[in-house]
Amino acid sequence: MKRRIHLFLVLLLIIAAVASFWLMTTDPAAEGEPVVSAPIDESLKSLNKGAAASAPSDLVNNASTVRVPEQLPASLAGTSVPDGWARTDRFGNLVPTLHLRQLFEYFLSALGEESLQALVARIEAALLGLEEPARSQALVTLGNYLEYKLTVSELEQSYGEVSGLGAGEMQRRMAEIQALRRTWLDADTAAAFFADDEAVDRFQIEKLRIASNDSLTDEQKAEALRQAESALPEPLRKAREETRRFADYEQVRRELADDPRALDAWRQEAFGEAAADRLARLEEEQKSWDRRWQVYSQERDRLLSSGLAEPERQQALERLRASHFNETERVRAEALDSIR
């Protein structure tokens, strides 16, 4: 089922700041707001003008006709392409894994910096590492995944606001999204791509049911929540535990802001010496970035209002970034400037 649509590019890439240590352990199940899966990336709702008359899957197997820049998009500079996705069985057939979905999403996250055609071509180039028949199977999976993303984003747009919904409505929406996954993807691929997301969905819905059950005492609700959490896959349970630890740390960090020795002792006890040292270094690096970014932003704004012609202004901006940031940080600063 392929539909032809005409949609304009509306979504700019949001560049994430360098992740702080504790955000590396955050998972959707730890958030207070109920969700149905991780938020669907809306990038495929907006194809560029060159591909606006085509279904997303039509872009697959056309890499030879697309000019792809040698340099990666700015948001991907200095990062590594996800690995672990090139799995096959003894007959050479593709074994779908979450890592394969991560490969797709790695490149698709740069939509807005490059066209969808170019990003699909980059994925195809990565898939050249597979032998047949796995490579052809991976290309089919890519096309179906693109169609799924477009279709599910349209479905979620029709849902409107999510907050405030009851468990029954959330369950219905979850079932519709799961059905779409298994419409566009075979059962094994859908399970490999979305097993964790769907486990989180089930937990969040159960969490809603527990919270709305007025017949339970607070203690009973806490016990029911612990039982629901025990049904999560082990990596997700551990991620929630880590998230709670870092939430506790945030509170302690505020309380001990004026007592760095006490804060350091708390970190050492809570996370161990090595992790505590890494966390302290990351915090210092973030503080340094924040200070330099504030100064740079003020100087940048004065420069932008100076009336310089475009070529001179861009050269002056590059010199200004170089005076405040190292090479890696300049990529981050340029990306943040691009979405001002």
C-alpha atoms as a PDB file:
ATOM      1  CA  MET A   1       0.000   0.000   0.000  1.00  0.00           C
ATOM      2  CA  LYS A   2       1.781   3.123  -1.177  1.00  0.00           C
ATOM      3  CA  ARG A   3       0.141   6.532  -1.137  1.00  0.00           C
ATOM      4  CA  ARG A   4       1.284   9.551  -3.032  1.00  0.00           C
ATOM      5  CA  ILE A   5       1.319  12.695  -0.979  1.00  0.00           C
ATOM      6  CA  HIS A   6       2.402  16.324  -1.285  1.00  0.00           C
ATOM      7  CA  LEU A   7       3.889  17.560   1.958  1.00  0.00           C
ATOM      8  CA  PHE A   8       6.407  20.348   2.503  1.00  0.00           C
ATOM      9  CA  LEU A   9       9.418  20.190   4.756  1.00  0.00           C
ATOM     10  CA  VAL A  10       8.268  21.632   8.111  1.00  0.00           C
ATOM     11  CA  LEU A  11      10.459  20.021  10.699  1.00  0.00           C
ATOM     12  CA  LEU A  12      13.911  21.408  11.417  1.00  0.00           C
ATOM     13  CA  LEU A  13      16.446  19.181  13.093  1.00  0.00           C
ATOM     14  CA  ILE A  14      16.696  19.877  16.800  1.00  0.00           C
ATOM     15  CA  ILE A  15      20.301  19.524  17.811  1.00  0.00           C
ATOM     16  CA  ALA A  16      20.737  17.973  21.216  1.00  0.00           C
ATOM     17  CA  ALA A  17      23.284  19.503  23.538  1.00  0.00           C
ATOM     18  CA  VAL A  18      26.081  17.240  24.689  1.00  0.00           C
ATOM     19  CA  ALA A  19      24.246  14.774  26.914  1.00  0.00           C
ATOM     20  CA  SER A  20      24.946  14.971  30.586  1.00  0.00           C
ATOM     21  CA  PHE A  21      25.877  11.707  32.281  1.00  0.00           C
ATOM     22  CA  TRP A  22      22.539  11.009  33.859  1.00  0.00           C
ATOM     23  CA  LEU A  23      20.538  11.531  30.663  1.00  0.00           C
ATOM     24  CA  MET A  24      22.308   8.560  29.142  1.00  0.00           C
ATOM     25  CA  THR A  25      20.286   6.317  31.434  1.00  0.00           C
ATOM     26  CA  THR A  26      16.863   7.943  31.045  1.00  0.00           C
ATOM     27  CA  ASP A  27      14.132   5.809  29.496  1.00  0.00           C
ATOM     28  CA  PRO A  28      10.536   6.653  28.564  1.00  0.00           C
ATOM     29  CA  ALA A  29       9.166   4.458  31.325  1.00  0.00           C
ATOM     30  CA  ALA A  30      10.769   6.698  33.909  1.00  0.00           C
ATOM     31  CA  GLU A  31       8.907   9.819  32.862  1.00  0.00           C
ATOM     32  CA  GLY A  32       5.818  10.977  34.661  1.00  0.00           C
ATOM     33  CA  GLU A  33       3.748  11.663  31.567  1.00  0.00           C
ATOM     34  CA  PRO A  34       2.097   8.575  30.068  1.00  0.00           C
ATOM     35  CA  VAL A  35       3.033   7.849  26.487  1.00  0.00           C
ATOM     36  CA  VAL A  36       2.214   5.350  23.802  1.00  0.00           C
ATOM     37  CA  SER A  37       5.724   4.282  22.797  1.00  0.00           C
ATOM     38  CA  ALA A  38       8.568   6.671  22.266  1.00  0.00           C
ATOM     39  CA  PRO A  39       7.372   9.797  20.417  1.00  0.00           C
ATOM     40  CA  ILE A  40       7.136   9.079  16.713  1.00  0.00           C
ATOM     41  CA  ASP A  41       9.655  11.022  14.642  1.00  0.00           C
ATOM     42  CA  GLU A  42       7.621  13.253  12.338  1.00  0.00           C
ATOM     43  CA  SER A  43      10.446  13.707   9.843  1.00  0.00           C
ATOM     44  CA  LEU A  44       8.838  11.603   7.142  1.00  0.00           C
ATOM     45  CA  LYS A  45       5.690  13.726   7.155  1.00  0.00           C
ATOM     46  CA  SER A  46       7.697  16.300   5.260  1.00  0.00           C
ATOM     47  CA  LEU A  47       9.507  15.151   2.152  1.00  0.00           C
ATOM     48  CA  ASN A  48      11.602  17.653   0.261  1.00  0.00           C
ATOM     49  CA  LYS A  49      10.235  19.135  -2.929  1.00  0.00           C
ATOM     50  CA  GLY A  50      12.213  16.793  -5.129  1.00  0.00           C
ATOM     51  CA  ALA A  51      10.488  13.781  -3.592  1.00  0.00           C
ATOM     52  CA  ALA A  52       7.166  15.311  -2.660  1.00  0.00           C
ATOM     53  CA  ALA A  53       5.237  13.322  -5.258  1.00  0.00           C
ATOM     54  CA  SER A  54       6.650   9.968  -4.213  1.00  0.00           C
ATOM     55  CA  ALA A  55       5.990   7.490  -1.472  1.00  0.00           C
ATOM     56  CA  PRO A  56       9.013   7.263   0.854  1.00  0.00           C
ATOM     57  CA  SER A  57       9.778   3.679  -0.166  1.00  0.00           C
ATOM     58  CA  ASP A  58      10.202   4.831  -3.791  1.00  0.00           C
ATOM     59  CA  LEU A  59      13.466   6.465  -2.719  1.00  0.00           C
ATOM     60  CA  VAL A  60      15.037   3.083  -1.908  1.00  0.00           C
ATOM     61  CA  ASN A  61      17.269   1.476  -4.573  1.00  0.00           C
ATOM     62  CA  ASN A  62      17.975   4.851  -6.175  1.00  0.00           C
ATOM     63  CA  ALA A  63      21.246   5.667  -4.432  1.00  0.00           C
ATOM     64  CA  SER A  64      23.152   5.776  -7.729  1.00  0.00           C
ATOM     65  CA  THR A  65      21.027   8.729  -8.891  1.00  0.00           C
ATOM     66  CA  VAL A  66      21.524  10.812  -5.745  1.00  0.00           C
ATOM     67  CA  ARG A  67      24.439  13.125  -5.053  1.00  0.00           C
ATOM     68  CA  VAL A  68      25.551  12.554  -1.469  1.00  0.00           C
ATOM     69  CA  PRO A  69      28.008  14.997   0.161  1.00  0.00           C
ATOM     70  CA  GLU A  70      31.218  13.382   1.327  1.00  0.00           C
ATOM     71  CA  GLN A  71      30.981  15.186   4.664  1.00  0.00           C
ATOM     72  CA  LEU A  72      28.402  13.997   7.175  1.00  0.00           C
ATOM     73  CA  PRO A  73      25.669  16.418   8.290  1.00  0.00           C
ATOM     74  CA  ALA A  74      26.848  18.694  11.097  1.00  0.00           C
ATOM     75  CA  SER A  75      24.743  16.930  13.724  1.00  0.00           C
ATOM     76  CA  LEU A  76      26.454  13.620  12.933  1.00  0.00           C
ATOM     77  CA  ALA A  77      29.996  14.956  12.761  1.00  0.00           C
ATOM     78  CA  GLY A  78      32.259  13.246  15.246  1.00  0.00           C
ATOM     79  CA  THR A  79      29.748  10.446  15.896  1.00  0.00           C
ATOM     80  CA  SER A  80      29.957   6.776  14.983  1.00  0.00           C
ATOM     81  CA  VAL A  81      27.536   4.823  12.825  1.00  0.00           C
ATOM     82  CA  PRO A  82      25.700   2.286  15.023  1.00  0.00           C
ATOM     83  CA  ASP A  83      27.045  -1.230  14.726  1.00  0.00           C
ATOM     84  CA  GLY A  84      25.719  -4.698  15.495  1.00  0.00           C
ATOM     85  CA  TRP A  85      23.042  -4.510  12.801  1.00  0.00           C
ATOM     86  CA  ALA A  86      24.651  -6.737  10.119  1.00  0.00           C
ATOM     87  CA  ARG A  87      23.337 -10.055  11.414  1.00  0.00           C
ATOM     88  CA  THR A  88      22.427 -12.969   9.167  1.00  0.00           C
ATOM     89  CA  ASP A  89      21.483 -16.586   9.672  1.00  0.00           C
ATOM     90  CA  ARG A  90      23.407 -19.557   8.261  1.00  0.00           C
ATOM     91  CA  PHE A  91      21.535 -19.230   4.968  1.00  0.00           C
ATOM     92  CA  GLY A  92      22.517 -15.593   4.537  1.00  0.00           C
ATOM     93  CA  ASN A  93      19.098 -14.200   5.396  1.00  0.00           C
ATOM     94  CA  LEU A  94      18.817 -10.966   7.339  1.00  0.00           C
ATOM     95  CA  VAL A  95      18.206 -11.278  11.070  1.00  0.00           C
ATOM     96  CA  PRO A  96      16.283  -8.127  12.087  1.00  0.00           C
ATOM     97  CA  THR A  97      17.524  -6.432  15.252  1.00  0.00           C
ATOM     98  CA  LEU A  98      16.975  -3.222  17.165  1.00  0.00           C
ATOM     99  CA  HIS A  99      20.443  -2.218  15.952  1.00  0.00           C
ATOM    100  CA  LEU A 100      19.153  -2.160  12.366  1.00  0.00           C
ATOM    101  CA  ARG A 101      16.404   0.273  13.343  1.00  0.00           C
ATOM    102  CA  GLN A 102      19.047   2.354  15.131  1.00  0.00           C
ATOM    103  CA  LEU A 103      21.077   2.449  11.916  1.00  0.00           C
ATOM    104  CA  PHE A 104      18.062   3.783  10.020  1.00  0.00           C
ATOM    105  CA  GLU A 105      17.298   6.366  12.689  1.00  0.00           C
ATOM    106  CA  TYR A 106      20.932   7.473  12.947  1.00  0.00           C
ATOM    107  CA  PHE A 107      20.841   8.848   9.417  1.00  0.00           C
ATOM    108  CA  LEU A 108      17.179   9.896   9.376  1.00  0.00           C
ATOM    109  CA  SER A 109      17.819  12.096  12.414  1.00  0.00           C
ATOM    110  CA  ALA A 110      19.667  14.486  10.080  1.00  0.00           C
ATOM    111  CA  LEU A 111      16.599  15.216   7.933  1.00  0.00           C
ATOM    112  CA  GLY A 112      16.482  18.969   7.495  1.00  0.00           C
ATOM    113  CA  GLU A 113      20.227  19.164   7.054  1.00  0.00           C
ATOM    114  CA  GLU A 114      20.058  16.863   4.030  1.00  0.00           C
ATOM    115  CA  SER A 115      17.241  15.687   1.823  1.00  0.00           C
ATOM    116  CA  LEU A 116      15.478  12.432   2.521  1.00  0.00           C
ATOM    117  CA  GLN A 117      16.862  11.055  -0.752  1.00  0.00           C
ATOM    118  CA  ALA A 118      20.419  11.743   0.377  1.00  0.00           C
ATOM    119  CA  LEU A 119      19.875  10.171   3.789  1.00  0.00           C
ATOM    120  CA  VAL A 120      18.287   7.072   2.271  1.00  0.00           C
ATOM    121  CA  ALA A 121      21.283   6.858  -0.045  1.00  0.00           C
ATOM    122  CA  ARG A 122      23.593   6.992   2.980  1.00  0.00           C
ATOM    123  CA  ILE A 123      21.673   4.103   4.554  1.00  0.00           C
ATOM    124  CA  GLU A 124      21.931   2.140   1.314  1.00  0.00           C
ATOM    125  CA  ALA A 125      25.697   2.715   1.286  1.00  0.00           C
ATOM    126  CA  ALA A 126      25.920   1.335   4.820  1.00  0.00           C
ATOM    127  CA  LEU A 127      23.896  -1.712   3.813  1.00  0.00           C
ATOM    128  CA  LEU A 128      26.486  -2.558   1.163  1.00  0.00           C
ATOM    129  CA  GLY A 129      28.265  -4.313   4.007  1.00  0.00           C
ATOM    130  CA  LEU A 130      25.682  -7.093   3.736  1.00  0.00           C
ATOM    131  CA  GLU A 131      25.853  -9.976   1.279  1.00  0.00           C
ATOM    132  CA  GLU A 132      22.833 -11.164  -0.674  1.00  0.00           C
ATOM    133  CA  PRO A 133      20.107 -12.079   0.079  1.00  0.00           C
ATOM    134  CA  ALA A 134      20.409 -10.106   3.329  1.00  0.00           C
ATOM    135  CA  ARG A 135      21.145  -6.814   1.574  1.00  0.00           C
ATOM    136  CA  SER A 136      17.994  -6.938  -0.576  1.00  0.00           C
ATOM    137  CA  GLN A 137      15.967  -7.945   2.480  1.00  0.00           C
ATOM    138  CA  ALA A 138      17.381  -4.996   4.419  1.00  0.00           C
ATOM    139  CA  LEU A 139      16.443  -2.614   1.599  1.00  0.00           C
ATOM    140  CA  VAL A 140      12.876  -3.936   1.616  1.00  0.00           C
ATOM    141  CA  THR A 141      12.809  -3.471   5.386  1.00  0.00           C
ATOM    142  CA  LEU A 142      14.057   0.110   4.981  1.00  0.00           C
ATOM    143  CA  GLY A 143      11.317   0.946   2.478  1.00  0.00           C
ATOM    144  CA  ASN A 144       8.634  -0.557   4.691  1.00  0.00           C
ATOM    145  CA  TYR A 145      10.013   1.233   7.737  1.00  0.00           C
ATOM    146  CA  LEU A 146       9.841   4.586   5.937  1.00  0.00           C
ATOM    147  CA  GLU A 147       6.231   3.918   4.981  1.00  0.00           C
ATOM    148  CA  TYR A 148       5.427   2.922   8.557  1.00  0.00           C
ATOM    149  CA  LYS A 149       6.934   6.124   9.954  1.00  0.00           C
ATOM    150  CA  LEU A 150       4.906   8.282   7.618  1.00  0.00           C
ATOM    151  CA  THR A 151       1.667   6.413   8.278  1.00  0.00           C
ATOM    152  CA  VAL A 152       2.033   6.323  12.049  1.00  0.00           C
ATOM    153  CA  SER A 153       2.952   9.999  12.224  1.00  0.00           C
ATOM    154  CA  GLU A 154      -0.275  10.813  10.384  1.00  0.00           C
ATOM    155  CA  LEU A 155      -2.205   8.579  12.802  1.00  0.00           C
ATOM    156  CA  GLU A 156      -0.654  10.245  15.837  1.00  0.00           C
ATOM    157  CA  GLN A 157      -1.398  13.672  14.394  1.00  0.00           C
ATOM    158  CA  SER A 158      -5.062  12.683  14.222  1.00  0.00           C
ATOM    159  CA  TYR A 159      -4.973  11.737  17.917  1.00  0.00           C
ATOM    160  CA  GLY A 160      -4.275  15.232  19.143  1.00  0.00           C
ATOM    161  CA  GLU A 161      -3.385  15.798  22.792  1.00  0.00           C
ATOM    162  CA  VAL A 162      -2.183  12.768  24.746  1.00  0.00           C
ATOM    163  CA  SER A 163      -2.072  14.119  28.296  1.00  0.00           C
ATOM    164  CA  GLY A 164      -5.063  13.426  30.485  1.00  0.00           C
ATOM    165  CA  LEU A 165      -6.171  10.281  28.664  1.00  0.00           C
ATOM    166  CA  GLY A 166      -7.308   7.255  30.621  1.00  0.00           C
ATOM    167  CA  ALA A 167      -5.805   3.783  30.473  1.00  0.00           C
ATOM    168  CA  GLY A 168      -8.546   2.486  28.155  1.00  0.00           C
ATOM    169  CA  GLU A 169      -7.962   5.132  25.485  1.00  0.00           C
ATOM    170  CA  MET A 170      -4.198   4.761  25.763  1.00  0.00           C
ATOM    171  CA  GLN A 171      -4.593   0.991  25.294  1.00  0.00           C
ATOM    172  CA  ARG A 172      -6.685   1.541  22.163  1.00  0.00           C
ATOM    173  CA  ARG A 173      -4.122   3.879  20.670  1.00  0.00           C
ATOM    174  CA  MET A 174      -1.295   1.514  21.513  1.00  0.00           C
ATOM    175  CA  ALA A 175      -3.130  -1.344  19.794  1.00  0.00           C
ATOM    176  CA  GLU A 176      -3.630   0.746  16.640  1.00  0.00           C
ATOM    177  CA  ILE A 177       0.052   1.662  16.479  1.00  0.00           C
ATOM    178  CA  GLN A 178       1.122  -1.923  17.071  1.00  0.00           C
ATOM    179  CA  ALA A 179      -1.206  -3.022  14.273  1.00  0.00           C
ATOM    180  CA  LEU A 180       0.407  -0.513  11.909  1.00  0.00           C
ATOM    181  CA  ARG A 181       3.836  -1.870  12.757  1.00  0.00           C
ATOM    182  CA  ARG A 182       2.729  -5.365  11.841  1.00  0.00           C
ATOM    183  CA  THR A 183       1.042  -4.113   8.674  1.00  0.00           C
ATOM    184  CA  TRP A 184       4.212  -2.609   7.257  1.00  0.00           C
ATOM    185  CA  LEU A 185       6.751  -4.948   8.892  1.00  0.00           C
ATOM    186  CA  ASP A 186       6.765  -8.698   9.294  1.00  0.00           C
ATOM    187  CA  ALA A 187       6.211 -10.046  12.799  1.00  0.00           C
ATOM    188  CA  ASP A 188       9.889 -10.789  13.506  1.00  0.00           C
ATOM    189  CA  THR A 189      11.023  -7.340  12.397  1.00  0.00           C
ATOM    190  CA  ALA A 190       8.274  -5.552  14.313  1.00  0.00           C
ATOM    191  CA  ALA A 191       9.198  -7.467  17.465  1.00  0.00           C
ATOM    192  CA  ALA A 192      12.914  -6.772  17.037  1.00  0.00           C
ATOM    193  CA  PHE A 193      12.384  -3.070  16.329  1.00  0.00           C
ATOM    194  CA  PHE A 194       9.734  -2.302  18.937  1.00  0.00           C
ATOM    195  CA  ALA A 195       9.800  -4.890  21.748  1.00  0.00           C
ATOM    196  CA  ASP A 196      11.221  -2.427  24.272  1.00  0.00           C
ATOM    197  CA  ASP A 197       8.872   0.371  23.205  1.00  0.00           C
ATOM    198  CA  GLU A 198       5.877  -1.897  23.603  1.00  0.00           C
ATOM    199  CA  ALA A 199       7.033  -3.113  27.011  1.00  0.00           C
ATOM    200  CA  VAL A 200       7.214   0.506  28.106  1.00  0.00           C
ATOM    201  CA  ASP A 201       3.738   1.110  26.678  1.00  0.00           C
ATOM    202  CA  ARG A 202       2.281  -1.754  28.703  1.00  0.00           C
ATOM    203  CA  PHE A 203       3.966  -0.503  31.843  1.00  0.00           C
ATOM    204  CA  GLN A 204       2.711   3.047  31.353  1.00  0.00           C
ATOM    205  CA  ILE A 205      -0.851   1.867  30.806  1.00  0.00           C
ATOM    206  CA  GLU A 206      -0.702  -0.304  33.913  1.00  0.00           C
ATOM    207  CA  LYS A 207       0.728   2.673  35.770  1.00  0.00           C
ATOM    208  CA  LEU A 208      -2.315   4.711  34.726  1.00  0.00           C
ATOM    209  CA  ARG A 209      -4.676   1.977  35.874  1.00  0.00           C
ATOM    210  CA  ILE A 210      -2.978   1.764  39.267  1.00  0.00           C
ATOM    211  CA  ALA A 211      -2.979   5.524  39.763  1.00  0.00           C
ATOM    212  CA  SER A 212      -6.692   5.788  38.942  1.00  0.00           C
ATOM    213  CA  ASN A 213      -7.762   2.862  41.168  1.00  0.00           C
ATOM    214  CA  ASP A 214      -9.266   4.609  44.201  1.00  0.00           C
ATOM    215  CA  SER A 215      -9.854   1.296  45.956  1.00  0.00           C
ATOM    216  CA  LEU A 216      -6.102   0.893  46.565  1.00  0.00           C
ATOM    217  CA  THR A 217      -4.193   2.481  49.416  1.00  0.00           C
ATOM    218  CA  ASP A 218      -0.955   4.330  48.735  1.00  0.00           C
ATOM    219  CA  GLU A 219       0.986   1.303  49.967  1.00  0.00           C
ATOM    220  CA  GLN A 220      -0.998  -1.030  47.718  1.00  0.00           C
ATOM    221  CA  LYS A 221      -0.440   1.255  44.746  1.00  0.00           C
ATOM    222  CA  ALA A 222       3.294   1.311  45.431  1.00  0.00           C
ATOM    223  CA  GLU A 223       3.382  -2.488  45.597  1.00  0.00           C
ATOM    224  CA  ALA A 224       1.297  -2.834  42.414  1.00  0.00           C
ATOM    225  CA  LEU A 225       3.669  -0.423  40.668  1.00  0.00           C
ATOM    226  CA  ARG A 226       6.681  -2.477  41.760  1.00  0.00           C
ATOM    227  CA  GLN A 227       5.042  -5.622  40.376  1.00  0.00           C
ATOM    228  CA  ALA A 228       4.280  -3.883  37.081  1.00  0.00           C
ATOM    229  CA  GLU A 229       7.855  -2.688  36.860  1.00  0.00           C
ATOM    230  CA  SER A 230       9.131  -6.224  37.464  1.00  0.00           C
ATOM    231  CA  ALA A 231       7.510  -7.252  34.162  1.00  0.00           C
ATOM    232  CA  LEU A 232       9.776  -4.888  32.223  1.00  0.00           C
ATOM    233  CA  PRO A 233      12.795  -6.372  30.429  1.00  0.00           C
ATOM    234  CA  GLU A 234      15.875  -6.278  32.634  1.00  0.00           C
ATOM    235  CA  PRO A 235      17.667  -3.481  30.737  1.00  0.00           C
ATOM    236  CA  LEU A 236      14.631  -1.241  31.144  1.00  0.00           C
ATOM    237  CA  ARG A 237      14.331  -2.062  34.838  1.00  0.00           C
ATOM    238  CA  LYS A 238      17.973  -1.166  35.335  1.00  0.00           C
ATOM    239  CA  ALA A 239      17.516   2.052  33.370  1.00  0.00           C
ATOM    240  CA  ARG A 240      14.630   3.051  35.629  1.00  0.00           C
ATOM    241  CA  GLU A 241      16.725   2.335  38.702  1.00  0.00           C
ATOM    242  CA  GLU A 242      19.544   4.465  37.316  1.00  0.00           C
ATOM    243  CA  THR A 243      17.102   7.236  36.461  1.00  0.00           C
ATOM    244  CA  ARG A 244      15.804   7.278  40.022  1.00  0.00           C
ATOM    245  CA  ARG A 245      19.357   7.444  41.336  1.00  0.00           C
ATOM    246  CA  PHE A 246      20.131  10.423  39.169  1.00  0.00           C
ATOM    247  CA  ALA A 247      16.848  12.083  40.101  1.00  0.00           C
ATOM    248  CA  ASP A 248      17.910  11.734  43.726  1.00  0.00           C
ATOM    249  CA  TYR A 249      21.299  13.134  42.770  1.00  0.00           C
ATOM    250  CA  GLU A 250      19.734  16.213  41.175  1.00  0.00           C
ATOM    251  CA  GLN A 251      17.943  16.973  44.423  1.00  0.00           C
ATOM    252  CA  VAL A 252      21.101  16.420  46.479  1.00  0.00           C
ATOM    253  CA  ARG A 253      23.101  18.540  44.047  1.00  0.00           C
ATOM    254  CA  ARG A 254      20.778  21.467  44.643  1.00  0.00           C
ATOM    255  CA  GLU A 255      20.837  20.974  48.404  1.00  0.00           C
ATOM    256  CA  LEU A 256      24.648  20.716  48.547  1.00  0.00           C
ATOM    257  CA  ALA A 257      25.428  23.336  45.928  1.00  0.00           C
ATOM    258  CA  ASP A 258      27.442  25.308  48.489  1.00  0.00           C
ATOM    259  CA  ASP A 259      29.266  22.287  49.900  1.00  0.00           C
ATOM    260  CA  PRO A 260      31.294  20.671  47.081  1.00  0.00           C
ATOM    261  CA  ARG A 261      33.085  18.277  49.433  1.00  0.00           C
ATOM    262  CA  ALA A 262      29.830  16.864  50.767  1.00  0.00           C
ATOM    263  CA  LEU A 263      28.469  16.602  47.218  1.00  0.00           C
ATOM    264  CA  ASP A 264      31.572  14.752  46.074  1.00  0.00           C
ATOM    265  CA  ALA A 265      31.264  12.324  48.995  1.00  0.00           C
ATOM    266  CA  TRP A 266      27.611  11.670  48.112  1.00  0.00           C
ATOM    267  CA  ARG A 267      28.548  10.997  44.479  1.00  0.00           C
ATOM    268  CA  GLN A 268      31.265   8.586  45.506  1.00  0.00           C
ATOM    269  CA  GLU A 269      28.900   6.616  47.743  1.00  0.00           C
ATOM    270  CA  ALA A 270      25.992   6.596  45.271  1.00  0.00           C
ATOM    271  CA  PHE A 271      27.848   5.823  42.031  1.00  0.00           C
ATOM    272  CA  GLY A 272      31.286   4.529  42.932  1.00  0.00           C
ATOM    273  CA  GLU A 273      34.590   6.289  42.483  1.00  0.00           C
ATOM    274  CA  ALA A 274      35.014   5.938  38.707  1.00  0.00           C
ATOM    275  CA  ALA A 275      31.462   6.965  37.785  1.00  0.00           C
ATOM    276  CA  ALA A 276      31.523   9.801  40.321  1.00  0.00           C
ATOM    277  CA  ASP A 277      34.728  11.156  38.791  1.00  0.00           C
ATOM    278  CA  ARG A 278      33.247  11.011  35.287  1.00  0.00           C
ATOM    279  CA  LEU A 279      30.112  12.747  36.484  1.00  0.00           C
ATOM    280  CA  ALA A 280      32.123  15.509  38.171  1.00  0.00           C
ATOM    281  CA  ARG A 281      34.172  16.067  35.001  1.00  0.00           C
ATOM    282  CA  LEU A 282      31.054  16.213  32.836  1.00  0.00           C
ATOM    283  CA  GLU A 283      29.484  18.758  35.140  1.00  0.00           C
ATOM    284  CA  GLU A 284      32.582  20.944  34.992  1.00  0.00           C
ATOM    285  CA  GLU A 285      32.662  20.666  31.208  1.00  0.00           C
ATOM    286  CA  GLN A 286      28.990  21.637  31.020  1.00  0.00           C
ATOM    287  CA  LYS A 287      29.540  24.611  33.315  1.00  0.00           C
ATOM    288  CA  SER A 288      32.456  25.709  31.155  1.00  0.00           C
ATOM    289  CA  TRP A 289      30.337  25.365  28.016  1.00  0.00           C
ATOM    290  CA  ASP A 290      27.473  27.327  29.569  1.00  0.00           C
ATOM    291  CA  ARG A 291      29.788  30.197  30.532  1.00  0.00           C
ATOM    292  CA  ARG A 292      31.436  30.362  27.116  1.00  0.00           C
ATOM    293  CA  TRP A 293      28.142  29.966  25.260  1.00  0.00           C
ATOM    294  CA  GLN A 294      26.654  32.913  27.158  1.00  0.00           C
ATOM    295  CA  VAL A 295      29.586  35.150  26.264  1.00  0.00           C
ATOM    296  CA  TYR A 296      29.631  33.901  22.677  1.00  0.00           C
ATOM    297  CA  SER A 297      25.876  34.450  22.269  1.00  0.00           C
ATOM    298  CA  GLN A 298      26.151  38.066  23.324  1.00  0.00           C
ATOM    299  CA  GLU A 299      29.051  38.708  20.955  1.00  0.00           C
ATOM    300  CA  ARG A 300      27.291  36.827  18.146  1.00  0.00           C
ATOM    301  CA  ASP A 301      24.135  38.914  18.519  1.00  0.00           C
ATOM    302  CA  ARG A 302      26.158  42.127  18.337  1.00  0.00           C
ATOM    303  CA  LEU A 303      27.908  40.826  15.238  1.00  0.00           C
ATOM    304  CA  LEU A 304      24.646  39.861  13.526  1.00  0.00           C
ATOM    305  CA  SER A 305      23.253  43.347  14.091  1.00  0.00           C
ATOM    306  CA  SER A 306      26.425  45.077  12.844  1.00  0.00           C
ATOM    307  CA  GLY A 307      25.257  45.353   9.239  1.00  0.00           C
ATOM    308  CA  LEU A 308      28.105  43.333   7.687  1.00  0.00           C
ATOM    309  CA  ALA A 309      27.522  41.803   4.265  1.00  0.00           C
ATOM    310  CA  GLU A 310      26.800  38.063   4.272  1.00  0.00           C
ATOM    311  CA  PRO A 311      30.273  36.768   3.269  1.00  0.00           C
ATOM    312  CA  GLU A 312      32.051  38.982   5.799  1.00  0.00           C
ATOM    313  CA  ARG A 313      29.502  38.160   8.468  1.00  0.00           C
ATOM    314  CA  GLN A 314      29.969  34.395   8.022  1.00  0.00           C
ATOM    315  CA  GLN A 315      33.744  34.757   8.180  1.00  0.00           C
ATOM    316  CA  ALA A 316      33.447  36.846  11.322  1.00  0.00           C
ATOM    317  CA  LEU A 317      31.127  34.261  12.880  1.00  0.00           C
ATOM    318  CA  GLU A 318      33.611  31.474  12.164  1.00  0.00           C
ATOM    319  CA  ARG A 319      36.404  33.485  13.774  1.00  0.00           C
ATOM    320  CA  LEU A 320      34.204  34.189  16.786  1.00  0.00           C
ATOM    321  CA  ARG A 321      33.373  30.492  17.269  1.00  0.00           C
ATOM    322  CA  ALA A 322      37.054  29.585  16.944  1.00  0.00           C
ATOM    323  CA  SER A 323      37.913  32.064  19.696  1.00  0.00           C
ATOM    324  CA  HIS A 324      35.490  30.447  22.167  1.00  0.00           C
ATOM    325  CA  PHE A 325      35.278  26.759  21.260  1.00  0.00           C
ATOM    326  CA  ASN A 326      37.422  23.810  20.206  1.00  0.00           C
ATOM    327  CA  GLU A 327      36.787  21.991  16.921  1.00  0.00           C
ATOM    328  CA  THR A 328      34.137  19.627  18.281  1.00  0.00           C
ATOM    329  CA  GLU A 329      32.371  22.404  20.167  1.00  0.00           C
ATOM    330  CA  ARG A 330      32.348  24.588  17.057  1.00  0.00           C
ATOM    331  CA  VAL A 331      30.257  21.968  15.269  1.00  0.00           C
ATOM    332  CA  ARG A 332      27.806  22.039  18.162  1.00  0.00           C
ATOM    333  CA  ALA A 333      27.759  25.854  18.251  1.00  0.00           C
ATOM    334  CA  GLU A 334      27.176  26.095  14.493  1.00  0.00           C
ATOM    335  CA  ALA A 335      24.329  23.572  14.712  1.00  0.00           C
ATOM    336  CA  LEU A 336      22.696  25.470  17.573  1.00  0.00           C
ATOM    337  CA  ASP A 337      23.054  28.721  15.665  1.00  0.00           C
ATOM    338  CA  SER A 338      21.341  27.153  12.652  1.00  0.00           C
ATOM    339  CA  ILE A 339      18.115  26.562  14.608  1.00  0.00           C
ATOM    340  CA  ARG A 340      17.928  29.987  16.289  1.00  0.00           C
END
